[in-house]
Amino acid sequence: MGLKHDTKNLNQNLKGKIEIHSRVSLDTLYKDNNKILDLIYTTGVSFVAKEISRDIKLTYDYTSKWDNVAII
């Protein structure tokens, strides 16, 4: 029917184009007595935050900042 119609239909079906999901599977989270949770949340996060506070360039090594795009 045309580009306008196809675009509207695609956007209506997708309900947006951005998806957020964990890079760590739930199966992994619950193995080894939750040691993985200690690494990626609370306790472990503080180690990464301290490293980044010492060298801001590490933000790109430890976070998803390198992989984000915003169109406004």
Protein backbone atom coordinates (compact mmCIF):
# COMPACT_ATOMS: atom_id res chain seq x y z
CA MET A 1 0.00 0.00 0.00
CA GLY A 2 2.95 2.30 0.28
CA LEU A 3 5.74 3.37 2.56
CA LYS A 4 3.53 5.43 4.90
CA HIS A 5 1.06 2.58 5.43
CA ASP A 6 3.81 -0.05 5.83
CA THR A 7 5.70 2.12 8.31
CA LYS A 8 2.62 2.72 10.44
CA ASN A 9 1.74 -0.98 10.42
CA LEU A 10 5.27 -2.02 11.38
CA ASN A 11 5.41 0.43 14.27
CA GLN A 12 1.95 -0.59 15.43
CA ASN A 13 2.94 -4.28 15.42
CA LEU A 14 6.31 -3.77 17.08
CA LYS A 15 4.96 -1.40 19.76
CA GLY A 16 8.32 0.36 19.69
CA LYS A 17 11.75 -0.59 18.47
CA ILE A 18 13.78 -0.65 21.66
CA GLU A 19 14.11 -3.75 23.79
CA ILE A 20 15.85 -4.09 27.12
CA HIS A 21 16.95 -7.51 28.30
CA SER A 22 19.49 -8.98 30.62
CA ARG A 23 22.78 -10.22 29.21
CA VAL A 24 22.93 -12.73 32.04
CA SER A 25 20.43 -15.58 31.84
CA LEU A 26 18.25 -16.48 34.80
CA ASP A 27 19.75 -19.98 34.77
CA THR A 28 23.19 -18.46 35.29
CA LEU A 29 21.97 -16.20 38.09
CA TYR A 30 20.86 -19.07 40.27
CA LYS A 31 23.88 -21.34 39.90
CA ASP A 32 26.77 -21.54 42.37
CA ASN A 33 24.77 -20.23 45.35
CA ASN A 34 24.12 -16.85 43.68
CA LYS A 35 27.81 -15.94 43.35
CA ILE A 36 27.00 -14.39 39.97
CA LEU A 37 24.53 -12.03 41.68
CA ASP A 38 27.33 -10.83 43.95
CA LEU A 39 29.42 -10.03 40.88
CA ILE A 40 26.84 -8.07 38.91
CA TYR A 41 24.86 -6.36 41.68
CA THR A 42 25.47 -4.49 44.92
CA THR A 43 28.82 -5.83 46.14
CA GLY A 44 30.43 -6.30 42.75
CA VAL A 45 29.11 -3.04 41.31
CA SER A 46 31.01 -1.03 43.90
CA PHE A 47 34.33 -2.40 42.63
CA VAL A 48 33.54 -1.31 39.08
CA ALA A 49 32.25 2.09 40.22
CA LYS A 50 35.48 2.74 42.14
CA GLU A 51 37.59 1.82 39.10
CA ILE A 52 35.58 4.18 36.89
CA SER A 53 35.85 6.97 39.48
CA ARG A 54 39.66 6.65 39.26
CA ASP A 55 39.69 6.65 35.44
CA ILE A 56 36.60 7.90 33.58
CA LYS A 57 37.81 6.27 30.34
CA LEU A 58 37.02 2.88 31.88
CA THR A 59 33.32 3.74 31.53
CA TYR A 60 33.51 2.35 28.00
CA ASP A 61 35.13 -0.89 29.20
CA TYR A 62 32.76 -1.60 32.08
CA THR A 63 29.39 -0.22 30.92
CA SER A 64 27.16 -0.19 27.87
CA LYS A 65 27.92 3.49 27.20
CA TRP A 66 29.80 2.56 24.01
CA ASP A 67 26.69 0.83 22.69
CA ASN A 68 24.01 3.49 23.24
CA VAL A 69 22.45 5.80 20.70
CA ALA A 70 19.84 8.49 21.20
CA ILE A 71 17.83 10.11 18.44
CA ILE A 72 15.94 13.14 19.64
